[in-house]
Structures are given as structure tokens and as C-alpha cells.
C-alpha atoms as a PDB file:
ATOM      1  CA  UNK A   1      76.909  99.485  97.840  1.00  0.00           C
ATOM      2  CA  UNK A   2      80.344 101.000  97.312  1.00  0.00           C
ATOM      3  CA  UNK A   3      80.588 104.802  97.224  1.00  0.00           C
ATOM      4  CA  UNK A   4      82.712 106.450  94.545  1.00  0.00           C
ATOM      5  CA  UNK A   5      84.952 108.051  97.176  1.00  0.00           C
ATOM      6  CA  UNK A   6      85.605 104.724  98.915  1.00  0.00           C
ATOM      7  CA  UNK A   7      88.786 102.971  97.866  1.00  0.00           C
ATOM      8  CA  UNK A   8      88.638  99.247  97.121  1.00  0.00           C
ATOM      9  CA  UNK A   9      91.063  98.647  99.998  1.00  0.00           C
ATOM     10  CA  UNK A  10      88.924 100.477 102.555  1.00  0.00           C
ATOM     11  CA  UNK A  11      85.754  98.871 101.164  1.00  0.00           C
ATOM     12  CA  UNK A  12      87.306  95.413 101.525  1.00  0.00           C
ATOM     13  CA  UNK A  13      88.503  96.162 105.058  1.00  0.00           C
ATOM     14  CA  UNK A  14      85.043  97.412 106.043  1.00  0.00           C
ATOM     15  CA  UNK A  15      83.285  94.423 104.470  1.00  0.00           C
ATOM     16  CA  UNK A  16      85.636  91.906 106.083  1.00  0.00           C
ATOM     17  CA  UNK A  17      85.576  93.575 109.488  1.00  0.00           C
ATOM     18  CA  UNK A  18      89.361  93.321 109.719  1.00  0.00           C
ATOM     19  CA  UNK A  19      92.432  94.736 107.998  1.00  0.00           C
ATOM     20  CA  UNK A  20      92.463  93.392 104.456  1.00  0.00           C
ATOM     21  CA  UNK A  21      96.262  92.998 104.640  1.00  0.00           C
ATOM     22  CA  UNK A  22      95.923  90.682 107.629  1.00  0.00           C
ATOM     23  CA  UNK A  23      93.139  88.783 105.871  1.00  0.00           C
ATOM     24  CA  UNK A  24      95.353  88.307 102.795  1.00  0.00           C
ATOM     25  CA  UNK A  25      98.259  87.195 104.995  1.00  0.00           C
ATOM     26  CA  UNK A  26      96.057  84.599 106.695  1.00  0.00           C
ATOM     27  CA  UNK A  27      95.090  83.156 103.300  1.00  0.00           C
ATOM     28  CA  UNK A  28      98.613  83.290 101.827  1.00  0.00           C
ATOM     29  CA  UNK A  29     100.298  81.728 104.844  1.00  0.00           C
ATOM     30  CA  UNK A  30      97.512  79.457 106.059  1.00  0.00           C
ATOM     31  CA  UNK A  31      97.390  75.718 105.479  1.00  0.00           C
ATOM     32  CA  UNK A  32      96.089  76.122 101.903  1.00  0.00           C
ATOM     33  CA  UNK A  33      98.731  78.735 100.903  1.00  0.00           C
ATOM     34  CA  UNK A  34      96.441  80.317  98.320  1.00  0.00           C
ATOM     35  CA  UNK A  35      97.630  82.328  95.337  1.00  0.00           C
ATOM     36  CA  UNK A  36      96.724  85.996  94.974  1.00  0.00           C
ATOM     37  CA  UNK A  37      94.391  85.013  92.123  1.00  0.00           C
ATOM     38  CA  UNK A  38      92.547  82.566  94.403  1.00  0.00           C
ATOM     39  CA  UNK A  39      92.387  85.153  97.178  1.00  0.00           C
ATOM     40  CA  UNK A  40      90.968  87.732  94.744  1.00  0.00           C
ATOM     41  CA  UNK A  41      88.163  85.316  93.861  1.00  0.00           C
ATOM     42  CA  UNK A  42      87.369  84.684  97.528  1.00  0.00           C
ATOM     43  CA  UNK A  43      87.411  88.414  98.291  1.00  0.00           C
ATOM     44  CA  UNK A  44      85.005  89.092  95.417  1.00  0.00           C
ATOM     45  CA  UNK A  45      82.668  86.308  96.543  1.00  0.00           C
ATOM     46  CA  UNK A  46      82.650  87.414 100.184  1.00  0.00           C
ATOM     47  CA  UNK A  47      82.600  91.200  99.756  1.00  0.00           C
ATOM     48  CA  UNK A  48      81.670  92.076  96.143  1.00  0.00           C
ATOM     49  CA  UNK A  49      84.959  94.039  95.997  1.00  0.00           C
ATOM     50  CA  UNK A  50      86.735  93.291  92.720  1.00  0.00           C
ATOM     51  CA  UNK A  51      90.500  93.793  92.694  1.00  0.00           C
ATOM     52  CA  UNK A  52      93.427  92.483  90.704  1.00  0.00           C
ATOM     53  CA  UNK A  53      95.894  90.000  92.088  1.00  0.00           C
ATOM     54  CA  UNK A  54      98.544  92.721  91.756  1.00  0.00           C
ATOM     55  CA  UNK A  55      96.528  95.010  94.039  1.00  0.00           C
ATOM     56  CA  UNK A  56      96.273  92.196  96.582  1.00  0.00           C
ATOM     57  CA  UNK A  57     100.013  91.588  96.353  1.00  0.00           C
ATOM     58  CA  UNK A  58     100.670  95.287  96.969  1.00  0.00           C
ATOM     59  CA  UNK A  59      98.297  95.412  99.947  1.00  0.00           C
ATOM     60  CA  UNK A  60     100.002  92.326 101.366  1.00  0.00           C
ATOM     61  CA  UNK A  61     103.453  93.904 100.956  1.00  0.00           C
ATOM     62  CA  UNK A  62     102.212  97.076 102.682  1.00  0.00           C
ATOM     63  CA  UNK A  63     100.827  94.972 105.542  1.00  0.00           C
ATOM     64  CA  UNK A  64     104.076  93.029 105.896  1.00  0.00           C
ATOM     65  CA  UNK A  65     106.100  96.261 105.939  1.00  0.00           C
ATOM     66  CA  UNK A  66     103.886  97.655 108.720  1.00  0.00           C
ATOM     67  CA  UNK A  67     104.226  94.418 110.684  1.00  0.00           C
ATOM     68  CA  UNK A  68     108.026  94.373 110.410  1.00  0.00           C
END
């Protein structure tokens, strides 16, 4: 159950057991090269965290900026 004070990003990271930005990067740049819409569906199915594809794109950009 997600607490009101928990952000979707932190809830997703906790549910996945790894940084959600890294998880997104693995799906975007893996063999399947999934779209943000496809990744959002997978995230919802695996974690019950519902986010927009734009939120995923932003989290991915933030992850890439940290990695650079």
C-alpha cells in the first residue's frame, strides 16, 4: 500500500528493489527497446505504481544526467 507522503518515484524504486531510473534505462536500451508507454504498463503490472510516460521520461533523463 502506498502512503500519501511517498512519491511515485520512491514507491517504484522501493517496489523494484533498484533505482527506477536504472530500471527504465535497462528497458529503453535493452534488446526490446521499449517505449515509455510500454514501460509504464510493465511498471504498473509489477509494482502497482501508476505513472505517465512523461514522468518515466523525466525520471530517465534525471538518471542519465546523474550517470553522465
